[in-house]
Structures are given as C-alpha cells and as structure tokens.
C-alpha cells in the first residue's frame, strides 16, 4: 500500500513539475524577450556564427593536425564528425540559446537542473581559453609588423638570433638542422627559455601587442550584439581572404609539391579519432546570474566587459614571458584538447537524454513553425554514443603535454590536470548543490532535478490545483487549446 501511495505521489510530483515548468518557461521567455538585446539583422547573426566557427585558431591548428594525423587520412574522420556531430550540435546549442534567450549557465540550469554545472564548466573553459587565445593574435600582429621588411627576416640565417651551426634556409627533413623560419619564431618572437621552470624576462613587444589585442576585443564587444553585428562583416569574412592568400602563396613555394603529395596520399596508419571542439560567454553568464548586483556597482554593461577583459589580460601575462610558450602549450593541451571532450559529453547527456529530443523538437517547432528534419534528429540520437566513443579514445590515446622535444616535468603535468579539473569540477559540484538545495525526499528531489525548470518549481512551490487554474497564461505562438495540449503532453 505504501509503495502504491509513493508511486502516486511521484506521478503527482512529476506532473506538477512538468506543468509548472512549462508556465515558468514561457514567463521567463516573455521577460527575457523584453529585456535582452537582439541582433539587428539575420545576416549579422549568421556571420557571427561563421566567425566563431572559422577563425584564427583554425588557420593555426588545423594544418598541424592534418600533418600530424596522416595528411588526407585526417580529413575522413574530420568530415564524418563534422557531418554527424559538428553541424547538428551547433544547431542544437543555437536552438537552446535562442529558445531560452539566456547564456550557458542559465540555460543548463533550466533544461536540466541536475547538470547545471555543465553551464558553469562551459564558462570556466571559455574564460581560461580567452586568457591565452589572444597570444595567437599577438604573434600574428608581430609577424605582420615584421613582414614590411625586405627581405623577410625569417627567410635567411644571416641574423643575430640565428644559430649558424643548425640553421638552414632550405627545406629540412632531418633532426639536425632547423629552418630559418623556426629559429625566427623560437629566438626572435619568443626568445624562449629552456623550460617551464624558467619563464625568463618579459617580452615587452608581445606585452604591448597583448594590450592592443585586448583593446581591440573590448571595442568589438563592449556594446553587445548591436555593435558586434557590425564588426562581424569584417571578422567573419577576413579569415577566408587570409586562407586564399596563404594558399596562393604556398603553392608557389619550393617543395610545395611535396606537401601537396603528402596530403594527397594519406598515411592510413596514422588515422585516429578526431576531437572537436569567449569573453562574451563570460559577460553574458555574469549578467544572467547576477545582473542586479553587478550593475549596482559597475553601473553599465560596458564596465562589466572592461573588468572581464582586464582580468583575462592580467592572467594572460605569463604567456608573453620568454618561457610563455610552455605556459601556452600547457593551457591549450589541458583545456582545448582534454576538458572540451568531457564537457561535450555531459552537455549532450543533459540536452538529448534528460531534456529529451521530443521537447527540443517541440521548442524548435514553436520558433520556426516546423520540427527539425530527420537528419538532425538522427544525429542528435546518435550523438551521446559518438561522443562517448571519442571520449574513450581520448582517454586511451592520451599523451602528456610536450612542446617539440621538450618534456614537461611531473609538477607541470600535475598543474595541467589542476587546470583541467578547475573547469570540470563544476559538473559534480552542480549535481551535489542541486540535490541538496531541492526540497522533499531524495526521490522527489531527483525527479525535480531532471525536470526542466525544476528549480523554479521548487522555489515557487506552486500547487497542482493552482497550476491547472493558471493554464490560460499565454504561451508563445499558441491558442488556449494548443497551450493546454502542450501542457498535457509535456512529460519526462
């Protein structure tokens, strides 16, 4: 008898959570729609998405990954994962953000309170990456400034920084000689030391360029999407101009046919699984979580952006020391290559497995008037398994961080794992906090924790009878009969 009553109460709790969740969800959407700044034109949003997907990091990282992973062989898993995971998950994230009109922290807390820590982990990873990602822009500007010389300083070995005994200005394929361009990077740009335990002096040229890079970032985003929408016309399209210029230049270089032949003849033995994968994420999440408190002291959003940029700049200063390349490589390895995969897995579990594809499809239908096509739905269905497989391969094939021939000391590897766990720790912390914050028995708290808007339901303690009487609350794009049908059909 007691078991039957417990099941009945569980069903009532779940139903009450579902009904209240739908009402709270639409109330929050209406409130956000009134206060949140939106893109001026659709093309600006599209270009912004392209800019985030294809940027300087792709120019820097992608060719190296192709070279290391077997040339043309790398493109096979790349395009498979691009089609099965990249495009569908990008669309999934955009849909969730557009529907709820909040940042990652608030979005995950609403769709799956149990895994709200995934949103915090996303912000943590984005912030860590923002502290060192601008270093790449510094290098690019440094090369741009020096490219106005003739001859180019990285084309010959007749410079003060070159080590004549090992320098060569021709193509090298052995471990004895080093190209002039590599020596320019090592001994002129970086002036690198011997290891992580010797950061050396400040590289003041890079320090100044780092300030300039952050000034540019600030003025690109300080007014929000209304200003960013104008900037993306340049930032989204310029990488393609650069890529085209690099292609035209590189095919004319000595030995270009060797490189083309390397990519055209895949090294199948090197084929392995591919991983996929900032400041605005941090700003949006801060304002979503504590807008009233923050603006009470900083008054304007522009000052919030300024504080985030200044803090990220200060944390990035070690990267522009003479040993900064070792710090950079450590951060990049344990953040962009380790943490991202685990974060993606839990995000997919939260959205596809707990929030549910039927709910997601219903949300998209509310916005667009039609459900997502079969291609997206099948990919979303497969995505948890695919990402789990990638995560297993990442664990099996994991290699400690290194830079060239330099092997990091044990304490350096330990520091890298601390950096990785500093972002991922928010996921279990979020689980524990949610279960301890909610009210009721453990079973009731668990049900609420996997119910969308379960935290809002628990805080308001809305009764079932009162909720059912409130079903006439207007929902986005639906008549009263459609609203009641949605409410009655919403379930875990």
Protein backbone atom coordinates (compact mmCIF):
# COMPACT_ATOMS: atom_id res chain seq x y z
CA UNK A 1 0.00 0.00 0.00
CA UNK A 2 2.79 2.39 0.93
CA UNK A 3 4.58 1.62 -2.35
CA UNK A 4 1.42 2.42 -4.31
CA UNK A 5 0.97 5.72 -2.49
CA UNK A 6 4.64 6.58 -3.12
CA UNK A 7 4.20 5.92 -6.85
CA UNK A 8 1.04 8.07 -6.94
CA UNK A 9 2.82 10.90 -5.14
CA UNK A 10 5.76 10.54 -7.52
CA UNK A 11 3.46 10.84 -10.54
CA UNK A 12 1.76 13.89 -9.00
CA UNK A 13 5.13 15.49 -8.29
CA UNK A 14 6.34 14.84 -11.80
CA UNK A 15 3.14 16.13 -13.38
CA UNK A 16 3.16 19.23 -11.20
CA UNK A 17 6.81 19.84 -12.12
CA UNK A 18 6.03 19.47 -15.82
CA UNK A 19 3.02 21.79 -15.83
CA UNK A 20 4.72 24.45 -13.73
CA UNK A 21 7.88 24.11 -15.77
CA UNK A 22 6.03 24.95 -18.98
CA UNK A 23 4.36 28.01 -17.43
CA UNK A 24 7.55 29.29 -15.80
CA UNK A 25 9.44 28.64 -19.02
CA UNK A 26 7.13 30.84 -21.08
CA UNK A 27 7.01 33.53 -18.42
CA UNK A 28 10.80 33.64 -18.40
CA UNK A 29 10.90 33.72 -22.19
CA UNK A 30 8.50 36.66 -22.30
CA UNK A 31 10.54 38.53 -19.68
CA UNK A 32 13.83 37.84 -21.48
CA UNK A 33 12.32 38.86 -24.82
CA UNK A 34 11.56 42.28 -23.39
CA UNK A 35 14.97 42.95 -21.81
CA UNK A 36 17.54 41.14 -23.96
CA UNK A 37 19.28 42.91 -26.83
CA UNK A 38 18.91 41.11 -30.15
CA UNK A 39 20.77 41.03 -33.48
CA UNK A 40 19.83 43.78 -35.91
CA UNK A 41 19.83 41.51 -38.98
CA UNK A 42 19.81 37.76 -39.60
CA UNK A 43 22.94 38.03 -41.72
CA UNK A 44 24.84 39.50 -38.77
CA UNK A 45 23.96 36.53 -36.59
CA UNK A 46 24.93 34.15 -39.41
CA UNK A 47 28.28 35.87 -39.90
CA UNK A 48 28.90 35.84 -36.15
CA UNK A 49 28.31 32.08 -36.11
CA UNK A 50 30.71 31.63 -39.02
CA UNK A 51 33.26 33.85 -37.30
CA UNK A 52 33.15 31.76 -34.12
CA UNK A 53 33.45 28.54 -36.13
CA UNK A 54 36.19 29.59 -38.54
CA UNK A 55 38.74 31.92 -37.00
CA UNK A 56 42.43 32.39 -36.46
CA UNK A 57 42.59 29.20 -34.41
CA UNK A 58 41.58 27.14 -37.43
CA UNK A 59 44.32 28.70 -39.54
CA UNK A 60 46.80 27.95 -36.76
CA UNK A 61 45.69 24.49 -35.57
CA UNK A 62 44.02 22.69 -38.47
CA UNK A 63 47.04 22.34 -40.82
CA UNK A 64 49.15 20.99 -37.96
CA UNK A 65 46.52 18.41 -37.01
CA UNK A 66 46.30 17.29 -40.64
CA UNK A 67 50.07 16.94 -40.84
CA UNK A 68 50.37 15.05 -37.55
CA UNK A 69 47.43 12.73 -38.21
CA UNK A 70 48.25 11.38 -41.64
CA UNK A 71 47.54 14.16 -44.12
CA UNK A 72 44.50 13.37 -46.25
CA UNK A 73 43.57 10.48 -43.93
CA UNK A 74 42.71 13.03 -41.26
CA UNK A 75 40.03 14.56 -43.48
CA UNK A 76 37.96 11.36 -43.47
CA UNK A 77 37.13 11.30 -39.73
CA UNK A 78 37.06 15.10 -39.75
CA UNK A 79 34.24 15.32 -42.31
CA UNK A 80 32.40 12.36 -40.76
CA UNK A 81 32.41 14.03 -37.33
CA UNK A 82 31.66 17.39 -38.95
CA UNK A 83 28.50 15.94 -40.51
CA UNK A 84 27.39 13.74 -37.60
CA UNK A 85 28.37 15.95 -34.66
CA UNK A 86 29.67 19.37 -35.67
CA UNK A 87 26.70 20.76 -37.60
CA UNK A 88 23.92 19.04 -35.55
CA UNK A 89 25.38 20.06 -32.18
CA UNK A 90 25.98 23.63 -33.33
CA UNK A 91 22.32 23.80 -34.36
CA UNK A 92 21.31 22.22 -31.04
CA UNK A 93 23.20 24.78 -28.97
CA UNK A 94 21.91 27.70 -31.03
CA UNK A 95 18.34 26.40 -30.69
CA UNK A 96 18.54 26.07 -26.90
CA UNK A 97 20.10 29.52 -26.52
CA UNK A 98 17.61 31.14 -28.91
CA UNK A 99 14.61 29.50 -27.26
CA UNK A 100 15.56 30.35 -23.67
CA UNK A 101 17.38 33.59 -24.56
CA UNK A 102 19.98 33.06 -21.83
CA UNK A 103 23.65 32.16 -21.53
CA UNK A 104 25.01 28.64 -20.88
CA UNK A 105 24.73 28.78 -17.09
CA UNK A 106 21.06 29.76 -17.02
CA UNK A 107 20.17 27.54 -19.98
CA UNK A 108 21.57 24.35 -18.45
CA UNK A 109 20.07 25.19 -15.06
CA UNK A 110 16.65 25.47 -16.70
CA UNK A 111 16.64 22.46 -19.03
CA UNK A 112 18.39 20.10 -16.60
CA UNK A 113 18.97 21.39 -13.05
CA UNK A 114 20.92 18.23 -12.16
CA UNK A 115 23.63 19.11 -14.70
CA UNK A 116 23.57 22.88 -14.29
CA UNK A 117 27.29 22.65 -13.55
CA UNK A 118 27.86 21.97 -17.27
CA UNK A 119 26.98 25.60 -17.93
CA UNK A 120 29.45 26.77 -15.29
CA UNK A 121 32.11 24.47 -16.74
CA UNK A 122 31.47 25.99 -20.18
CA UNK A 123 32.08 29.48 -18.84
CA UNK A 124 35.19 28.35 -16.94
CA UNK A 125 36.72 26.74 -20.04
CA UNK A 126 35.83 29.75 -22.21
CA UNK A 127 37.46 32.10 -19.71
CA UNK A 128 40.65 30.04 -19.45
CA UNK A 129 40.88 29.89 -23.24
CA UNK A 130 40.33 33.65 -23.51
CA UNK A 131 43.38 34.27 -21.29
CA UNK A 132 45.78 32.63 -23.73
CA UNK A 133 43.99 32.72 -27.09
CA UNK A 134 44.91 36.36 -27.65
CA UNK A 135 48.56 35.30 -27.67
CA UNK A 136 47.98 33.89 -31.17
CA UNK A 137 46.72 37.31 -32.24
CA UNK A 138 49.87 38.83 -30.72
CA UNK A 139 52.06 36.53 -32.82
CA UNK A 140 50.04 37.37 -35.93
CA UNK A 141 50.47 41.12 -35.35
CA UNK A 142 54.17 40.64 -34.64
CA UNK A 143 54.64 38.86 -37.96
CA UNK A 144 52.52 41.48 -39.73
CA UNK A 145 54.76 44.28 -38.45
CA UNK A 146 57.95 42.47 -39.48
CA UNK A 147 56.53 41.49 -42.87
CA UNK A 148 57.12 45.04 -44.16
CA UNK A 149 60.87 44.34 -44.27
CA UNK A 150 62.67 43.15 -47.37
CA UNK A 151 64.00 40.53 -47.34
CA UNK A 152 61.75 38.93 -44.78
CA UNK A 153 63.71 38.29 -41.56
CA UNK A 154 62.63 34.63 -41.36
CA UNK A 155 63.89 33.75 -44.84
CA UNK A 156 67.62 33.66 -44.10
CA UNK A 157 70.11 32.56 -41.46
CA UNK A 158 72.06 35.84 -41.58
CA UNK A 159 70.51 37.34 -38.46
CA UNK A 160 71.79 37.90 -34.94
CA UNK A 161 69.31 35.44 -33.44
CA UNK A 162 70.18 32.56 -35.76
CA UNK A 163 72.32 29.64 -34.59
CA UNK A 164 74.52 29.24 -37.63
CA UNK A 165 75.55 25.67 -36.89
CA UNK A 166 72.00 24.34 -37.09
CA UNK A 167 70.20 26.94 -39.23
CA UNK A 168 69.20 26.28 -42.83
CA UNK A 169 67.26 28.47 -45.25
CA UNK A 170 66.16 25.47 -47.31
CA UNK A 171 63.61 22.74 -46.71
CA UNK A 172 64.81 20.45 -43.94
CA UNK A 173 63.63 16.92 -43.20
CA UNK A 174 66.12 15.84 -40.53
CA UNK A 175 66.54 16.39 -36.80
CA UNK A 176 69.95 18.07 -37.08
CA UNK A 177 69.12 21.34 -38.85
CA UNK A 178 66.35 23.82 -38.09
CA UNK A 179 64.70 26.10 -40.63
CA UNK A 180 65.33 29.83 -40.54
CA UNK A 181 61.61 30.47 -40.03
CA UNK A 182 61.52 28.19 -36.98
CA UNK A 183 64.55 29.91 -35.48
CA UNK A 184 62.92 33.29 -36.06
CA UNK A 185 59.89 32.12 -34.08
CA UNK A 186 61.93 30.48 -31.30
CA UNK A 187 64.71 33.01 -30.85
CA UNK A 188 63.24 36.29 -32.08
CA UNK A 189 59.50 36.18 -31.45
CA UNK A 190 59.55 34.06 -28.29
CA UNK A 191 63.19 34.30 -27.19
CA UNK A 192 62.24 31.08 -25.44
CA UNK A 193 63.98 29.66 -22.40
CA UNK A 194 64.79 26.02 -21.72
CA UNK A 195 61.61 25.02 -19.95
CA UNK A 196 58.53 25.74 -17.84
CA UNK A 197 60.63 26.22 -14.70
CA UNK A 198 62.39 29.23 -16.27
CA UNK A 199 59.94 31.87 -17.50
CA UNK A 200 62.76 34.39 -18.04
CA UNK A 201 62.06 38.06 -18.68
CA UNK A 202 59.03 39.82 -20.07
CA UNK A 203 58.80 40.05 -23.86
CA UNK A 204 57.81 43.70 -23.92
CA UNK A 205 56.94 43.75 -27.61
CA UNK A 206 54.47 40.92 -27.10
CA UNK A 207 53.23 42.54 -23.90
CA UNK A 208 52.35 45.69 -25.82
CA UNK A 209 50.68 43.69 -28.57
CA UNK A 210 48.69 41.78 -25.94
CA UNK A 211 47.34 45.08 -24.62
CA UNK A 212 46.46 46.11 -28.17
CA UNK A 213 44.73 42.78 -28.80
CA UNK A 214 42.56 43.15 -25.70
CA UNK A 215 41.73 46.76 -26.60
CA UNK A 216 40.50 45.52 -29.98
CA UNK A 217 38.46 42.76 -28.33
CA UNK A 218 36.90 45.21 -25.91
CA UNK A 219 35.80 47.71 -28.54
CA UNK A 220 34.41 44.87 -30.68
CA UNK A 221 32.02 43.62 -27.98
CA UNK A 222 31.53 46.39 -25.39
CA UNK A 223 28.17 47.45 -26.87
CA UNK A 224 26.86 43.90 -27.16
CA UNK A 225 25.41 42.28 -30.27
CA UNK A 226 24.24 45.58 -31.74
CA UNK A 227 27.88 46.61 -32.19
CA UNK A 228 29.30 43.12 -32.68
CA UNK A 229 26.88 42.68 -35.58
CA UNK A 230 28.71 45.44 -37.45
CA UNK A 231 32.17 44.06 -36.66
CA UNK A 232 31.46 40.55 -37.94
CA UNK A 233 31.19 41.76 -41.51
CA UNK A 234 34.97 42.02 -41.36
CA UNK A 235 35.98 39.40 -38.77
CA UNK A 236 33.89 36.60 -40.31
CA UNK A 237 34.99 37.15 -43.89
CA UNK A 238 38.62 38.17 -43.41
CA UNK A 239 39.87 34.65 -42.45
CA UNK A 240 38.79 33.39 -45.88
CA UNK A 241 40.75 36.18 -47.56
CA UNK A 242 43.78 35.18 -45.48
CA UNK A 243 43.31 31.49 -46.29
CA UNK A 244 43.09 32.26 -50.00
CA UNK A 245 46.20 34.45 -49.85
CA UNK A 246 48.12 31.74 -47.95
CA UNK A 247 47.03 29.12 -50.48
CA UNK A 248 48.16 31.22 -53.45
CA UNK A 249 51.48 31.98 -51.78
CA UNK A 250 52.23 28.48 -50.51
CA UNK A 251 51.64 26.66 -53.78
CA UNK A 252 54.44 28.79 -55.26
CA UNK A 253 56.99 27.96 -52.56
CA UNK A 254 59.87 25.49 -53.15
CA UNK A 255 58.80 22.00 -52.14
CA UNK A 256 55.07 22.79 -52.40
CA UNK A 257 54.54 19.66 -54.49
CA UNK A 258 55.97 17.56 -51.65
CA UNK A 259 53.38 18.96 -49.25
CA UNK A 260 50.55 18.52 -51.72
CA UNK A 261 51.64 14.95 -52.36
CA UNK A 262 51.71 14.28 -48.59
CA UNK A 263 48.07 15.31 -48.23
CA UNK A 264 47.00 13.62 -51.46
CA UNK A 265 48.50 10.28 -50.34
CA UNK A 266 47.04 9.59 -46.90
CA UNK A 267 49.08 7.83 -44.21
CA UNK A 268 46.37 5.39 -43.12
CA UNK A 269 48.42 4.07 -40.22
CA UNK A 270 48.08 7.47 -38.52
CA UNK A 271 44.28 7.61 -38.84
CA UNK A 272 42.64 8.13 -35.42
CA UNK A 273 39.56 9.71 -33.88
CA UNK A 274 39.28 13.50 -34.06
CA UNK A 275 38.28 15.89 -31.29
CA UNK A 276 36.10 18.88 -31.89
CA UNK A 277 35.67 21.33 -30.25
CA UNK A 278 34.75 33.69 -25.01
CA UNK A 279 34.74 36.69 -23.50
CA UNK A 280 31.06 37.23 -24.40
CA UNK A 281 30.24 33.88 -22.78
CA UNK A 282 31.71 35.13 -19.50
CA UNK A 283 29.97 38.50 -19.67
CA UNK A 284 26.59 37.01 -20.61
CA UNK A 285 26.79 34.42 -17.84
CA UNK A 286 27.73 37.00 -15.22
CA UNK A 287 24.83 39.25 -16.19
CA UNK A 288 22.39 36.32 -16.37
CA UNK A 289 23.33 35.18 -12.88
CA UNK A 290 23.75 38.47 -11.01
CA UNK A 291 22.81 41.36 -13.25
CA UNK A 292 21.23 43.46 -10.49
CA UNK A 293 24.13 43.03 -8.07
CA UNK A 294 26.83 43.59 -10.69
CA UNK A 295 25.22 46.64 -12.28
CA UNK A 296 24.67 48.11 -8.81
CA UNK A 297 28.44 48.58 -8.55
CA UNK A 298 29.60 48.76 -12.18
CA UNK A 299 26.52 50.70 -13.40
CA UNK A 300 26.89 49.80 -17.11
CA UNK A 301 27.44 46.63 -19.12
CA UNK A 302 30.43 48.27 -20.83
CA UNK A 303 32.23 48.35 -17.47
CA UNK A 304 31.46 44.66 -16.91
CA UNK A 305 33.08 43.86 -20.27
CA UNK A 306 36.05 46.04 -19.31
CA UNK A 307 36.57 44.21 -16.00
CA UNK A 308 36.43 40.80 -17.69
CA UNK A 309 38.92 41.91 -20.36
CA UNK A 310 41.33 43.37 -17.78
CA UNK A 311 41.23 40.24 -15.61
CA UNK A 312 41.76 37.95 -18.62
CA UNK A 313 44.63 40.17 -19.80
CA UNK A 314 46.37 40.01 -16.41
CA UNK A 315 46.01 36.24 -16.25
CA UNK A 316 47.48 36.01 -19.75
CA UNK A 317 50.66 37.95 -18.92
CA UNK A 318 52.73 34.78 -18.17
CA UNK A 319 52.19 33.79 -21.81
CA UNK A 320 54.23 36.78 -23.03
CA UNK A 321 57.33 36.00 -20.98
CA UNK A 322 60.32 34.29 -22.58
CA UNK A 323 59.05 30.95 -21.26
CA UNK A 324 55.45 31.80 -22.12
CA UNK A 325 55.22 29.25 -24.92
CA UNK A 326 55.44 26.47 -22.34
CA UNK A 327 52.58 28.03 -20.35
CA UNK A 328 50.57 28.46 -23.53
CA UNK A 329 51.06 24.85 -24.60
CA UNK A 330 50.11 23.60 -21.13
CA UNK A 331 46.90 25.62 -21.04
CA UNK A 332 45.92 24.68 -24.58
CA UNK A 333 46.56 20.96 -24.13
CA UNK A 334 44.56 20.50 -20.93
CA UNK A 335 41.78 22.95 -21.79
CA UNK A 336 41.10 22.77 -25.53
CA UNK A 337 42.10 19.14 -26.00
CA UNK A 338 41.10 17.39 -22.76
CA UNK A 339 38.34 19.30 -20.95
CA UNK A 340 36.28 20.08 -24.05
CA UNK A 341 35.50 16.42 -24.83
CA UNK A 342 34.25 15.65 -21.32
CA UNK A 343 32.23 18.86 -21.29
CA UNK A 344 30.60 18.00 -24.62
CA UNK A 345 29.59 14.55 -23.35
CA UNK A 346 27.76 15.86 -20.29
CA UNK A 347 26.13 18.64 -22.30
CA UNK A 348 24.73 16.08 -24.75
CA UNK A 349 23.51 13.91 -21.87
CA UNK A 350 21.72 16.93 -20.38
CA UNK A 351 20.06 18.03 -23.62
CA UNK A 352 19.49 14.83 -25.62
CA UNK A 353 19.00 12.27 -22.87
CA UNK A 354 17.39 14.18 -19.98
CA UNK A 355 15.73 17.22 -21.54
CA UNK A 356 14.79 14.97 -24.43
CA UNK A 357 14.66 15.25 -28.19
CA UNK A 358 10.83 15.47 -28.26
CA UNK A 359 10.98 18.60 -26.10
CA UNK A 360 13.79 20.07 -28.17
CA UNK A 361 11.89 19.40 -31.40
CA UNK A 362 8.78 20.98 -29.89
CA UNK A 363 10.79 24.09 -28.92
CA UNK A 364 12.16 24.44 -32.43
CA UNK A 365 8.68 23.98 -33.87
CA UNK A 366 7.42 26.82 -31.64
CA UNK A 367 10.12 29.12 -33.04
CA UNK A 368 10.16 28.07 -36.70
CA UNK A 369 6.75 26.54 -37.27
CA UNK A 370 8.19 23.13 -38.14
CA UNK A 371 10.17 20.41 -36.44
CA UNK A 372 13.85 19.78 -37.27
CA UNK A 373 14.46 17.44 -40.20
CA UNK A 374 15.20 13.74 -39.90
CA UNK A 375 18.93 14.27 -40.46
CA UNK A 376 19.28 16.44 -37.34
CA UNK A 377 17.06 14.20 -35.21
CA UNK A 378 19.02 11.05 -36.13
CA UNK A 379 22.35 12.78 -35.47
CA UNK A 380 21.12 14.02 -32.08
CA UNK A 381 20.00 10.49 -31.27
CA UNK A 382 23.46 9.11 -32.11
CA UNK A 383 25.48 11.95 -30.58
CA UNK A 384 25.73 10.60 -26.98
CA UNK A 385 27.20 7.32 -28.26
CA UNK A 386 29.56 9.04 -30.72
CA UNK A 387 30.91 11.47 -28.14
CA UNK A 388 31.29 8.64 -25.62
CA UNK A 389 33.39 6.75 -28.19
CA UNK A 390 35.54 9.84 -28.78
CA UNK A 391 35.94 10.32 -25.04
CA UNK A 392 37.11 6.72 -24.64
CA UNK A 393 39.66 7.17 -27.43
CA UNK A 394 40.88 10.42 -25.85
CA UNK A 395 41.49 8.56 -22.58
CA UNK A 396 43.17 5.57 -24.29
CA UNK A 397 45.36 7.65 -26.62
CA UNK A 398 46.14 10.38 -24.10
CA UNK A 399 49.69 11.67 -24.21
CA UNK A 400 51.25 14.05 -21.68
CA UNK A 401 51.79 17.58 -22.93
CA UNK A 402 55.08 18.39 -24.64
CA UNK A 403 56.48 21.17 -26.77
CA UNK A 404 58.64 19.88 -29.58
CA UNK A 405 61.26 17.69 -27.91
CA UNK A 406 60.75 19.31 -24.50
CA UNK A 407 59.18 17.00 -21.93
CA UNK A 408 57.26 18.76 -19.17
CA UNK A 409 58.24 17.92 -15.57
CA UNK A 410 55.84 15.96 -13.39
CA UNK A 411 54.78 19.07 -11.49
CA UNK A 412 53.95 20.72 -14.80
CA UNK A 413 51.75 17.77 -15.81
CA UNK A 414 50.09 17.97 -12.40
CA UNK A 415 49.44 21.68 -12.91
CA UNK A 416 47.82 20.87 -16.24
CA UNK A 417 45.41 18.44 -14.62
CA UNK A 418 44.59 21.04 -11.97
CA UNK A 419 43.68 23.43 -14.79
CA UNK A 420 41.50 20.76 -16.43
CA UNK A 421 39.72 19.85 -13.20
CA UNK A 422 39.25 23.52 -12.28
CA UNK A 423 36.70 23.73 -15.09
CA UNK A 424 35.22 20.23 -14.96
CA UNK A 425 34.80 20.21 -11.15
CA UNK A 426 31.73 22.41 -11.57
CA UNK A 427 29.78 19.49 -13.02
CA UNK A 428 29.79 17.29 -9.87
CA UNK A 429 29.54 20.41 -7.69
CA UNK A 430 26.38 21.36 -9.58
CA UNK A 431 24.90 17.89 -9.08
CA UNK A 432 25.53 17.95 -5.32
CA UNK A 433 24.30 21.53 -4.92
CA UNK A 434 21.07 20.84 -6.82
CA UNK A 435 20.21 17.71 -4.84
CA UNK A 436 20.92 19.42 -1.53
CA UNK A 437 19.04 22.60 -2.47
CA UNK A 438 15.79 21.00 -3.60
CA UNK A 439 13.14 20.02 -1.06
CA UNK A 440 11.45 16.71 -0.37
CA UNK A 441 12.63 13.10 -0.23
CA UNK A 442 15.65 12.05 -2.26
CA UNK A 443 13.39 10.52 -4.90
CA UNK A 444 11.35 13.74 -5.18
CA UNK A 445 14.50 15.85 -5.34
CA UNK A 446 15.92 13.65 -8.09
CA UNK A 447 12.70 13.90 -10.12
CA UNK A 448 12.76 17.68 -9.80
CA UNK A 449 16.46 17.78 -10.72
CA UNK A 450 15.82 16.13 -14.09
CA UNK A 451 12.67 18.15 -14.77
CA UNK A 452 13.09 21.32 -16.85
CA UNK A 453 12.60 24.39 -14.66
CA UNK A 454 12.59 22.10 -11.62
CA UNK A 455 14.47 24.69 -9.58
CA UNK A 456 11.85 27.33 -10.38
CA UNK A 457 9.10 24.91 -9.40
CA UNK A 458 10.74 24.09 -6.10
CA UNK A 459 11.33 27.73 -5.19
CA UNK A 460 7.78 28.81 -6.01
CA UNK A 461 6.14 25.67 -4.53
CA UNK A 462 3.19 26.06 -6.90
CA UNK A 463 0.33 23.62 -6.18
CA UNK A 464 -1.15 21.38 -8.85
CA UNK A 465 -4.65 22.82 -8.50
CA UNK A 466 -3.37 26.40 -8.71
CA UNK A 467 -1.19 25.48 -11.66
CA UNK A 468 -4.01 23.91 -13.61
CA UNK A 469 -6.11 27.02 -13.00
CA UNK A 470 -3.30 29.12 -14.46
CA UNK A 471 -3.02 27.23 -17.73
CA UNK A 472 -4.60 30.14 -19.56
CA UNK A 473 -1.29 32.02 -19.33
CA UNK A 474 -0.38 32.95 -22.89
CA UNK A 475 2.31 30.78 -24.40
CA UNK A 476 4.42 31.79 -27.38
CA UNK A 477 2.53 31.29 -30.64
CA UNK A 478 -0.34 29.12 -29.42
CA UNK A 479 -4.12 29.31 -28.85
CA UNK A 480 -5.57 28.30 -25.44
CA UNK A 481 -6.46 24.84 -26.78
CA UNK A 482 -2.93 24.39 -28.16
CA UNK A 483 -1.49 25.58 -24.86
CA UNK A 484 -3.48 23.04 -22.86
CA UNK A 485 -2.48 20.29 -25.30
CA UNK A 486 1.21 21.18 -24.88
CA UNK A 487 0.86 21.23 -21.10
CA UNK A 488 -0.93 17.89 -21.03
CA UNK A 489 1.59 16.24 -23.35
CA UNK A 490 4.72 17.54 -21.60
CA UNK A 491 6.36 14.73 -19.67
CA UNK A 492 9.75 13.40 -18.61
